[in-house]
Full PDB file with SEQRES, HELIX, SHEET, SSBOND, CRYST1, ORIGX, SCALE, CONECT and MASTER records, all heavy atoms in Angstrom:
SEQRES   1 A   31  ILE GLU LYS LYS VAL GLY VAL THR TYR ASP LYS TYR LEU          
SEQRES   2 A   31  TRP LEU LYS ALA GLN HIS SER LYS LEU THR LYS ASN GLN          
SEQRES   3 A   31  LYS ASN PHE SER LYS                                          
HELIX    1 AA1 GLU A    2  VAL A    5  1                                   4    
HELIX    2 AA2 TYR A    9  LEU A   22  1                                  14    
HELIX    3 AA3 GLN A   26  SER A   30  1                                   5    
CRYST1    1.000    1.000    1.000  90.00  90.00  90.00 P 1           1          
ORIGX1      1.000000  0.000000  0.000000        0.00000                         
ORIGX2      0.000000  1.000000  0.000000        0.00000                         
ORIGX3      0.000000  0.000000  1.000000        0.00000                         
SCALE1      1.000000  0.000000  0.000000        0.00000                         
SCALE2      0.000000  1.000000  0.000000        0.00000                         
SCALE3      0.000000  0.000000  1.000000        0.00000                         
ATOM      1  N   ILE A   1      84.482 163.381  90.246  1.00  0.00           N  
ATOM      2  CA  ILE A   1      84.020 162.220  89.373  1.00  0.00           C  
ATOM      3  C   ILE A   1      84.308 162.502  87.953  1.00  0.00           C  
ATOM      4  O   ILE A   1      84.678 161.664  87.230  1.00  0.00           O  
ATOM      5  CB  ILE A   1      82.507 161.869  89.681  1.00  0.00           C  
ATOM      6  CG1 ILE A   1      82.415 161.429  91.115  1.00  0.00           C  
ATOM      7  CG2 ILE A   1      82.042 160.889  88.758  1.00  0.00           C  
ATOM      8  CD1 ILE A   1      81.034 161.282  91.578  1.00  0.00           C  
ATOM      9  N   GLU A   2      83.967 163.732  87.494  1.00  0.00           N  
ATOM     10  CA  GLU A   2      84.153 164.055  86.099  1.00  0.00           C  
ATOM     11  C   GLU A   2      85.498 163.752  85.539  1.00  0.00           C  
ATOM     12  O   GLU A   2      85.752 163.231  84.518  1.00  0.00           O  
ATOM     13  CB  GLU A   2      83.721 165.477  85.708  1.00  0.00           C  
ATOM     14  CG  GLU A   2      83.707 165.792  84.238  1.00  0.00           C  
ATOM     15  CD  GLU A   2      83.162 167.209  84.054  1.00  0.00           C  
ATOM     16  OE1 GLU A   2      83.451 168.118  84.841  1.00  0.00           O  
ATOM     17  OE2 GLU A   2      82.361 167.310  83.130  1.00  0.00           O  
ATOM     18  N   LYS A   3      86.532 164.014  86.423  1.00  0.00           N  
ATOM     19  CA  LYS A   3      87.922 163.841  85.994  1.00  0.00           C  
ATOM     20  C   LYS A   3      88.258 162.314  85.880  1.00  0.00           C  
ATOM     21  O   LYS A   3      89.022 161.920  84.925  1.00  0.00           O  
ATOM     22  CB  LYS A   3      88.908 164.499  86.987  1.00  0.00           C  
ATOM     23  CG  LYS A   3      88.704 165.948  87.105  1.00  0.00           C  
ATOM     24  CD  LYS A   3      89.633 166.481  88.167  1.00  0.00           C  
ATOM     25  CE  LYS A   3      89.398 167.871  88.490  1.00  0.00           C  
ATOM     26  NZ  LYS A   3      90.039 168.347  89.702  1.00  0.00           N  
ATOM     27  N   LYS A   4      87.588 161.523  86.606  1.00  0.00           N  
ATOM     28  CA  LYS A   4      87.813 160.051  86.602  1.00  0.00           C  
ATOM     29  C   LYS A   4      87.114 159.360  85.457  1.00  0.00           C  
ATOM     30  O   LYS A   4      87.650 158.417  84.932  1.00  0.00           O  
ATOM     31  CB  LYS A   4      87.495 159.473  87.983  1.00  0.00           C  
ATOM     32  CG  LYS A   4      88.278 160.004  89.099  1.00  0.00           C  
ATOM     33  CD  LYS A   4      87.804 159.474  90.425  1.00  0.00           C  
ATOM     34  CE  LYS A   4      88.634 160.078  91.553  1.00  0.00           C  
ATOM     35  NZ  LYS A   4      88.099 159.665  92.859  1.00  0.00           N  
ATOM     36  N   VAL A   5      85.927 159.822  85.192  1.00  0.00           N  
ATOM     37  CA  VAL A   5      85.122 159.112  84.250  1.00  0.00           C  
ATOM     38  C   VAL A   5      85.206 159.835  82.843  1.00  0.00           C  
ATOM     39  O   VAL A   5      84.847 159.094  81.863  1.00  0.00           O  
ATOM     40  CB  VAL A   5      83.636 159.003  84.674  1.00  0.00           C  
ATOM     41  CG1 VAL A   5      83.566 158.162  85.921  1.00  0.00           C  
ATOM     42  CG2 VAL A   5      82.905 160.298  84.780  1.00  0.00           C  
ATOM     43  N   GLY A   6      85.554 161.047  82.714  1.00  0.00           N  
ATOM     44  CA  GLY A   6      85.655 161.615  81.426  1.00  0.00           C  
ATOM     45  C   GLY A   6      84.260 161.974  80.768  1.00  0.00           C  
ATOM     46  O   GLY A   6      84.299 161.974  79.483  1.00  0.00           O  
ATOM     47  N   VAL A   7      83.213 162.117  81.556  1.00  0.00           N  
ATOM     48  CA  VAL A   7      81.902 162.386  80.943  1.00  0.00           C  
ATOM     49  C   VAL A   7      81.318 163.565  81.633  1.00  0.00           C  
ATOM     50  O   VAL A   7      81.359 163.812  82.840  1.00  0.00           O  
ATOM     51  CB  VAL A   7      80.953 161.170  81.200  1.00  0.00           C  
ATOM     52  CG1 VAL A   7      79.601 161.449  80.665  1.00  0.00           C  
ATOM     53  CG2 VAL A   7      81.535 159.903  80.629  1.00  0.00           C  
ATOM     54  N   THR A   8      80.826 164.513  80.790  1.00  0.00           N  
ATOM     55  CA  THR A   8      80.278 165.715  81.388  1.00  0.00           C  
ATOM     56  C   THR A   8      79.029 165.463  82.258  1.00  0.00           C  
ATOM     57  O   THR A   8      78.397 164.462  82.135  1.00  0.00           O  
ATOM     58  CB  THR A   8      79.843 166.685  80.262  1.00  0.00           C  
ATOM     59  OG1 THR A   8      78.841 166.072  79.426  1.00  0.00           O  
ATOM     60  CG2 THR A   8      81.063 167.098  79.365  1.00  0.00           C  
ATOM     61  N   TYR A   9      78.775 166.578  83.135  1.00  0.00           N  
ATOM     62  CA  TYR A   9      77.696 166.462  84.106  1.00  0.00           C  
ATOM     63  C   TYR A   9      76.333 166.427  83.247  1.00  0.00           C  
ATOM     64  O   TYR A   9      75.404 165.718  83.750  1.00  0.00           O  
ATOM     65  CB  TYR A   9      77.699 167.608  85.002  1.00  0.00           C  
ATOM     66  CG  TYR A   9      76.736 167.491  86.181  1.00  0.00           C  
ATOM     67  CD1 TYR A   9      76.953 166.367  87.033  1.00  0.00           C  
ATOM     68  CD2 TYR A   9      75.845 168.382  86.344  1.00  0.00           C  
ATOM     69  CE1 TYR A   9      76.088 166.295  88.186  1.00  0.00           C  
ATOM     70  CE2 TYR A   9      75.008 168.239  87.466  1.00  0.00           C  
ATOM     71  CZ  TYR A   9      75.035 167.193  88.331  1.00  0.00           C  
ATOM     72  OH  TYR A   9      74.214 166.964  89.431  1.00  0.00           O  
ATOM     73  N   ASP A  10      76.231 167.061  82.191  1.00  0.00           N  
ATOM     74  CA  ASP A  10      74.879 166.954  81.577  1.00  0.00           C  
ATOM     75  C   ASP A  10      74.587 165.665  80.957  1.00  0.00           C  
ATOM     76  O   ASP A  10      73.379 165.214  81.015  1.00  0.00           O  
ATOM     77  CB  ASP A  10      74.786 168.156  80.522  1.00  0.00           C  
ATOM     78  CG  ASP A  10      75.762 167.980  79.340  1.00  0.00           C  
ATOM     79  OD1 ASP A  10      76.935 167.547  79.586  1.00  0.00           O  
ATOM     80  OD2 ASP A  10      75.491 168.378  78.225  1.00  0.00           O  
ATOM     81  N   LYS A  11      75.587 164.977  80.421  1.00  0.00           N  
ATOM     82  CA  LYS A  11      75.424 163.553  79.906  1.00  0.00           C  
ATOM     83  C   LYS A  11      75.124 162.659  81.110  1.00  0.00           C  
ATOM     84  O   LYS A  11      74.331 161.731  81.018  1.00  0.00           O  
ATOM     85  CB  LYS A  11      76.499 163.080  79.127  1.00  0.00           C  
ATOM     86  CG  LYS A  11      76.620 163.765  77.864  1.00  0.00           C  
ATOM     87  CD  LYS A  11      77.478 163.177  76.852  1.00  0.00           C  
ATOM     88  CE  LYS A  11      77.357 163.960  75.566  1.00  0.00           C  
ATOM     89  NZ  LYS A  11      78.457 163.498  74.497  1.00  0.00           N  
ATOM     90  N   TYR A  12      75.805 162.908  82.274  1.00  0.00           N  
ATOM     91  CA  TYR A  12      75.562 162.184  83.484  1.00  0.00           C  
ATOM     92  C   TYR A  12      74.104 162.271  83.906  1.00  0.00           C  
ATOM     93  O   TYR A  12      73.285 161.272  84.189  1.00  0.00           O  
ATOM     94  CB  TYR A  12      76.434 162.544  84.619  1.00  0.00           C  
ATOM     95  CG  TYR A  12      75.857 162.117  85.980  1.00  0.00           C  
ATOM     96  CD1 TYR A  12      75.970 160.777  86.351  1.00  0.00           C  
ATOM     97  CD2 TYR A  12      75.252 163.012  86.921  1.00  0.00           C  
ATOM     98  CE1 TYR A  12      75.492 160.324  87.545  1.00  0.00           C  
ATOM     99  CE2 TYR A  12      74.762 162.501  88.026  1.00  0.00           C  
ATOM    100  CZ  TYR A  12      74.850 161.241  88.386  1.00  0.00           C  
ATOM    101  OH  TYR A  12      74.304 160.883  89.617  1.00  0.00           O  
ATOM    102  N   LEU A  13      73.536 163.555  83.928  1.00  0.00           N  
ATOM    103  CA  LEU A  13      72.188 163.817  84.369  1.00  0.00           C  
ATOM    104  C   LEU A  13      71.275 163.122  83.428  1.00  0.00           C  
ATOM    105  O   LEU A  13      70.188 162.529  83.787  1.00  0.00           O  
ATOM    106  CB  LEU A  13      71.862 165.285  84.561  1.00  0.00           C  
ATOM    107  CG  LEU A  13      72.472 166.008  85.688  1.00  0.00           C  
ATOM    108  CD1 LEU A  13      72.238 167.525  85.580  1.00  0.00           C  
ATOM    109  CD2 LEU A  13      71.975 165.380  86.970  1.00  0.00           C  
ATOM    110  N   TRP A  14      71.421 163.254  82.092  1.00  0.00           N  
ATOM    111  CA  TRP A  14      70.594 162.586  81.092  1.00  0.00           C  
ATOM    112  C   TRP A  14      70.416 161.108  81.375  1.00  0.00           C  
ATOM    113  O   TRP A  14      69.266 160.530  81.389  1.00  0.00           O  
ATOM    114  CB  TRP A  14      71.022 162.995  79.765  1.00  0.00           C  
ATOM    115  CG  TRP A  14      69.916 162.617  78.728  1.00  0.00           C  
ATOM    116  CD1 TRP A  14      68.996 163.310  78.296  1.00  0.00           C  
ATOM    117  CD2 TRP A  14      69.910 161.320  77.908  1.00  0.00           C  
ATOM    118  NE1 TRP A  14      68.206 162.647  77.264  1.00  0.00           N  
ATOM    119  CE2 TRP A  14      68.781 161.444  77.152  1.00  0.00           C  
ATOM    120  CE3 TRP A  14      70.778 160.209  78.035  1.00  0.00           C  
ATOM    121  CZ2 TRP A  14      68.452 160.358  76.334  1.00  0.00           C  
ATOM    122  CZ3 TRP A  14      70.290 159.177  77.089  1.00  0.00           C  
ATOM    123  CH2 TRP A  14      69.167 159.277  76.386  1.00  0.00           C  
ATOM    124  N   LEU A  15      71.615 160.476  81.467  1.00  0.00           N  
ATOM    125  CA  LEU A  15      71.511 158.964  81.687  1.00  0.00           C  
ATOM    126  C   LEU A  15      71.034 158.656  82.935  1.00  0.00           C  
ATOM    127  O   LEU A  15      70.253 157.642  83.174  1.00  0.00           O  
ATOM    128  CB  LEU A  15      73.018 158.494  81.438  1.00  0.00           C  
ATOM    129  CG  LEU A  15      73.286 158.093  80.045  1.00  0.00           C  
ATOM    130  CD1 LEU A  15      74.733 157.693  79.810  1.00  0.00           C  
ATOM    131  CD2 LEU A  15      72.486 156.841  79.511  1.00  0.00           C  
ATOM    132  N   LYS A  16      71.314 159.477  84.012  1.00  0.00           N  
ATOM    133  CA  LYS A  16      70.732 159.210  85.395  1.00  0.00           C  
ATOM    134  C   LYS A  16      69.233 159.271  85.274  1.00  0.00           C  
ATOM    135  O   LYS A  16      68.464 158.490  85.959  1.00  0.00           O  
ATOM    136  CB  LYS A  16      71.330 160.081  86.387  1.00  0.00           C  
ATOM    137  CG  LYS A  16      70.946 159.713  87.839  1.00  0.00           C  
ATOM    138  CD  LYS A  16      71.587 158.289  88.191  1.00  0.00           C  
ATOM    139  CE  LYS A  16      71.416 157.962  89.590  1.00  0.00           C  
ATOM    140  NZ  LYS A  16      71.925 156.688  89.985  1.00  0.00           N  
ATOM    141  N   ALA A  17      68.669 160.166  84.550  1.00  0.00           N  
ATOM    142  CA  ALA A  17      67.290 160.387  84.425  1.00  0.00           C  
ATOM    143  C   ALA A  17      66.575 159.127  83.847  1.00  0.00           C  
ATOM    144  O   ALA A  17      65.684 158.650  84.237  1.00  0.00           O  
ATOM    145  CB  ALA A  17      66.848 161.585  83.673  1.00  0.00           C  
ATOM    146  N   GLN A  18      67.266 158.586  82.616  1.00  0.00           N  
ATOM    147  CA  GLN A  18      66.868 157.498  81.983  1.00  0.00           C  
ATOM    148  C   GLN A  18      66.834 156.195  82.975  1.00  0.00           C  
ATOM    149  O   GLN A  18      65.916 155.530  82.999  1.00  0.00           O  
ATOM    150  CB  GLN A  18      67.648 157.097  80.799  1.00  0.00           C  
ATOM    151  CG  GLN A  18      67.769 158.217  79.735  1.00  0.00           C  
ATOM    152  CD  GLN A  18      66.326 158.707  79.315  1.00  0.00           C  
ATOM    153  OE1 GLN A  18      65.483 157.893  78.996  1.00  0.00           O  
ATOM    154  NE2 GLN A  18      66.187 159.980  79.380  1.00  0.00           N  
ATOM    155  N   HIS A  19      67.918 156.086  83.716  1.00  0.00           N  
ATOM    156  CA  HIS A  19      68.034 154.974  84.665  1.00  0.00           C  
ATOM    157  C   HIS A  19      66.991 155.128  85.805  1.00  0.00           C  
ATOM    158  O   HIS A  19      66.351 154.183  86.081  1.00  0.00           O  
ATOM    159  CB  HIS A  19      69.360 155.041  85.248  1.00  0.00           C  
ATOM    160  CG  HIS A  19      69.695 154.025  86.320  1.00  0.00           C  
ATOM    161  ND1 HIS A  19      69.450 154.166  87.587  1.00  0.00           N  
ATOM    162  CD2 HIS A  19      70.148 152.736  86.142  1.00  0.00           C  
ATOM    163  CE1 HIS A  19      69.763 152.946  88.253  1.00  0.00           C  
ATOM    164  NE2 HIS A  19      70.183 152.205  87.324  1.00  0.00           N  
ATOM    165  N   SER A  20      66.712 156.275  86.229  1.00  0.00           N  
ATOM    166  CA  SER A  20      65.697 156.490  87.287  1.00  0.00           C  
ATOM    167  C   SER A  20      64.304 156.211  86.782  1.00  0.00           C  
ATOM    168  O   SER A  20      63.537 155.674  87.444  1.00  0.00           O  
ATOM    169  CB  SER A  20      65.668 158.058  87.695  1.00  0.00           C  
ATOM    170  OG  SER A  20      66.994 158.217  88.448  1.00  0.00           O  
ATOM    171  N   LYS A  21      64.022 156.537  85.538  1.00  0.00           N  
ATOM    172  CA  LYS A  21      62.725 156.243  84.925  1.00  0.00           C  
ATOM    173  C   LYS A  21      62.585 154.705  84.776  1.00  0.00           C  
ATOM    174  O   LYS A  21      61.456 154.159  85.038  1.00  0.00           O  
ATOM    175  CB  LYS A  21      62.513 156.961  83.546  1.00  0.00           C  
ATOM    176  CG  LYS A  21      62.202 158.342  83.763  1.00  0.00           C  
ATOM    177  CD  LYS A  21      61.839 159.009  82.465  1.00  0.00           C  
ATOM    178  CE  LYS A  21      62.587 158.939  81.249  1.00  0.00           C  
ATOM    179  NZ  LYS A  21      62.126 159.738  80.122  1.00  0.00           N  
ATOM    180  N   LEU A  22      63.567 154.009  84.274  1.00  0.00           N  
ATOM    181  CA  LEU A  22      63.525 152.576  84.091  1.00  0.00           C  
ATOM    182  C   LEU A  22      63.382 151.818  85.395  1.00  0.00           C  
ATOM    183  O   LEU A  22      62.702 150.759  85.410  1.00  0.00           O  
ATOM    184  CB  LEU A  22      64.731 152.089  83.298  1.00  0.00           C  
ATOM    185  CG  LEU A  22      64.779 152.498  81.740  1.00  0.00           C  
ATOM    186  CD1 LEU A  22      66.165 152.256  81.236  1.00  0.00           C  
ATOM    187  CD2 LEU A  22      63.632 151.842  80.983  1.00  0.00           C  
ATOM    188  N   THR A  23      63.999 152.314  86.449  1.00  0.00           N  
ATOM    189  CA  THR A  23      63.909 151.652  87.616  1.00  0.00           C  
ATOM    190  C   THR A  23      62.753 152.223  88.560  1.00  0.00           C  
ATOM    191  O   THR A  23      62.546 151.746  89.808  1.00  0.00           O  
ATOM    192  CB  THR A  23      65.271 151.849  88.458  1.00  0.00           C  
ATOM    193  OG1 THR A  23      65.504 153.164  88.721  1.00  0.00           O  
ATOM    194  CG2 THR A  23      66.413 151.125  87.890  1.00  0.00           C  
ATOM    195  N   LYS A  24      62.022 153.091  87.948  1.00  0.00           N  
ATOM    196  CA  LYS A  24      60.796 153.692  88.653  1.00  0.00           C  
ATOM    197  C   LYS A  24      61.198 154.317  89.971  1.00  0.00           C  
ATOM    198  O   LYS A  24      60.401 154.200  90.984  1.00  0.00           O  
ATOM    199  CB  LYS A  24      59.702 152.643  88.815  1.00  0.00           C  
ATOM    200  CG  LYS A  24      59.212 152.172  87.563  1.00  0.00           C  
ATOM    201  CD  LYS A  24      58.129 151.055  87.734  1.00  0.00           C  
ATOM    202  CE  LYS A  24      57.392 150.711  86.495  1.00  0.00           C  
ATOM    203  NZ  LYS A  24      57.968 150.264  85.347  1.00  0.00           N  
ATOM    204  N   ASN A  25      62.362 154.996  89.959  1.00  0.00           N  
ATOM    205  CA  ASN A  25      62.870 155.738  91.181  1.00  0.00           C  
ATOM    206  C   ASN A  25      62.505 157.153  91.109  1.00  0.00           C  
ATOM    207  O   ASN A  25      63.192 157.993  90.549  1.00  0.00           O  
ATOM    208  CB  ASN A  25      64.355 155.519  91.376  1.00  0.00           C  
ATOM    209  CG  ASN A  25      64.819 156.060  92.678  1.00  0.00           C  
ATOM    210  OD1 ASN A  25      64.222 156.987  93.282  1.00  0.00           O  
ATOM    211  ND2 ASN A  25      65.986 155.495  93.128  1.00  0.00           N  
ATOM    212  N   GLN A  26      61.213 157.576  91.513  1.00  0.00           N  
ATOM    213  CA  GLN A  26      60.730 158.915  91.397  1.00  0.00           C  
ATOM    214  C   GLN A  26      61.539 160.015  92.174  1.00  0.00           C  
ATOM    215  O   GLN A  26      61.667 161.001  91.758  1.00  0.00           O  
ATOM    216  CB  GLN A  26      59.192 159.047  91.912  1.00  0.00           C  
ATOM    217  CG  GLN A  26      58.655 160.307  91.512  1.00  0.00           C  
ATOM    218  CD  GLN A  26      58.609 160.604  90.131  1.00  0.00           C  
ATOM    219  OE1 GLN A  26      58.389 159.781  89.250  1.00  0.00           O  
ATOM    220  NE2 GLN A  26      58.858 161.900  89.746  1.00  0.00           N  
ATOM    221  N   LYS A  27      62.059 159.512  93.321  1.00  0.00           N  
ATOM    222  CA  LYS A  27      62.922 160.487  94.162  1.00  0.00           C  
ATOM    223  C   LYS A  27      64.226 160.875  93.323  1.00  0.00           C  
ATOM    224  O   LYS A  27      64.516 162.093  93.267  1.00  0.00           O  
ATOM    225  CB  LYS A  27      63.337 159.687  95.477  1.00  0.00           C  
ATOM    226  CG  LYS A  27      64.045 160.609  96.368  1.00  0.00           C  
ATOM    227  CD  LYS A  27      64.401 159.869  97.706  1.00  0.00           C  
ATOM    228  CE  LYS A  27      65.248 160.773  98.573  1.00  0.00           C  
ATOM    229  NZ  LYS A  27      65.813 160.096  99.670  1.00  0.00           N  
ATOM    230  N   ASN A  28      64.819 159.952  92.795  1.00  0.00           N  
ATOM    231  CA  ASN A  28      66.082 160.291  92.043  1.00  0.00           C  
ATOM    232  C   ASN A  28      65.657 161.108  90.730  1.00  0.00           C  
ATOM    233  O   ASN A  28      66.269 162.041  90.375  1.00  0.00           O  
ATOM    234  CB  ASN A  28      66.868 158.958  91.608  1.00  0.00           C  
ATOM    235  CG  ASN A  28      67.696 158.554  92.678  1.00  0.00           C  
ATOM    236  OD1 ASN A  28      67.924 159.104  93.799  1.00  0.00           O  
ATOM    237  ND2 ASN A  28      68.387 157.344  92.451  1.00  0.00           N  
ATOM    238  N   PHE A  29      64.649 160.705  90.067  1.00  0.00           N  
ATOM    239  CA  PHE A  29      64.271 161.447  88.880  1.00  0.00           C  
ATOM    240  C   PHE A  29      63.908 162.895  89.163  1.00  0.00           C  
ATOM    241  O   PHE A  29      64.262 163.695  88.426  1.00  0.00           O  
ATOM    242  CB  PHE A  29      63.031 160.702  88.201  1.00  0.00           C  
ATOM    243  CG  PHE A  29      62.575 161.266  86.955  1.00  0.00           C  
ATOM    244  CD1 PHE A  29      63.450 160.998  85.734  1.00  0.00           C  
ATOM    245  CD2 PHE A  29      61.444 162.027  86.804  1.00  0.00           C  
ATOM    246  CE1 PHE A  29      62.952 161.728  84.499  1.00  0.00           C  
ATOM    247  CE2 PHE A  29      61.055 162.589  85.575  1.00  0.00           C  
ATOM    248  CZ  PHE A  29      61.877 162.435  84.410  1.00  0.00           C  
ATOM    249  N   SER A  30      63.143 163.111  90.257  1.00  0.00           N  
ATOM    250  CA  SER A  30      62.923 164.509  90.709  1.00  0.00           C  
ATOM    251  C   SER A  30      64.157 165.309  90.955  1.00  0.00           C  
ATOM    252  O   SER A  30      64.363 166.447  90.651  1.00  0.00           O  
ATOM    253  CB  SER A  30      62.083 164.557  91.936  1.00  0.00           C  
ATOM    254  OG  SER A  30      60.850 163.936  91.625  1.00  0.00           O  
ATOM    255  N   LYS A  31      65.122 164.642  91.667  1.00  0.00           N  
ATOM    256  CA  LYS A  31      66.441 165.279  91.865  1.00  0.00           C  
ATOM    257  C   LYS A  31      67.130 165.583  90.626  1.00  0.00           C  
ATOM    258  O   LYS A  31      67.784 166.741  90.486  1.00  0.00           O  
ATOM    259  CB  LYS A  31      67.272 164.354  92.852  1.00  0.00           C  
ATOM    260  CG  LYS A  31      68.539 164.990  93.321  1.00  0.00           C  
ATOM    261  CD  LYS A  31      68.271 166.219  94.162  1.00  0.00           C  
ATOM    262  CE  LYS A  31      67.920 165.926  95.612  1.00  0.00           C  
ATOM    263  NZ  LYS A  31      67.888 167.133  96.417  1.00  0.00           N  
TER     264      LYS A  31                                                      
MASTER        0    0    0    3    0    0    0    6  263    1    0    3          
END                                                                             
């Protein structure tokens, strides 16, 4: 995925955490 999107894994994790908090998805947030 990183090669296709051009975004590092740490930025992915940070934004995924924000997304999980906003959607109240505790399982994803924990992961």
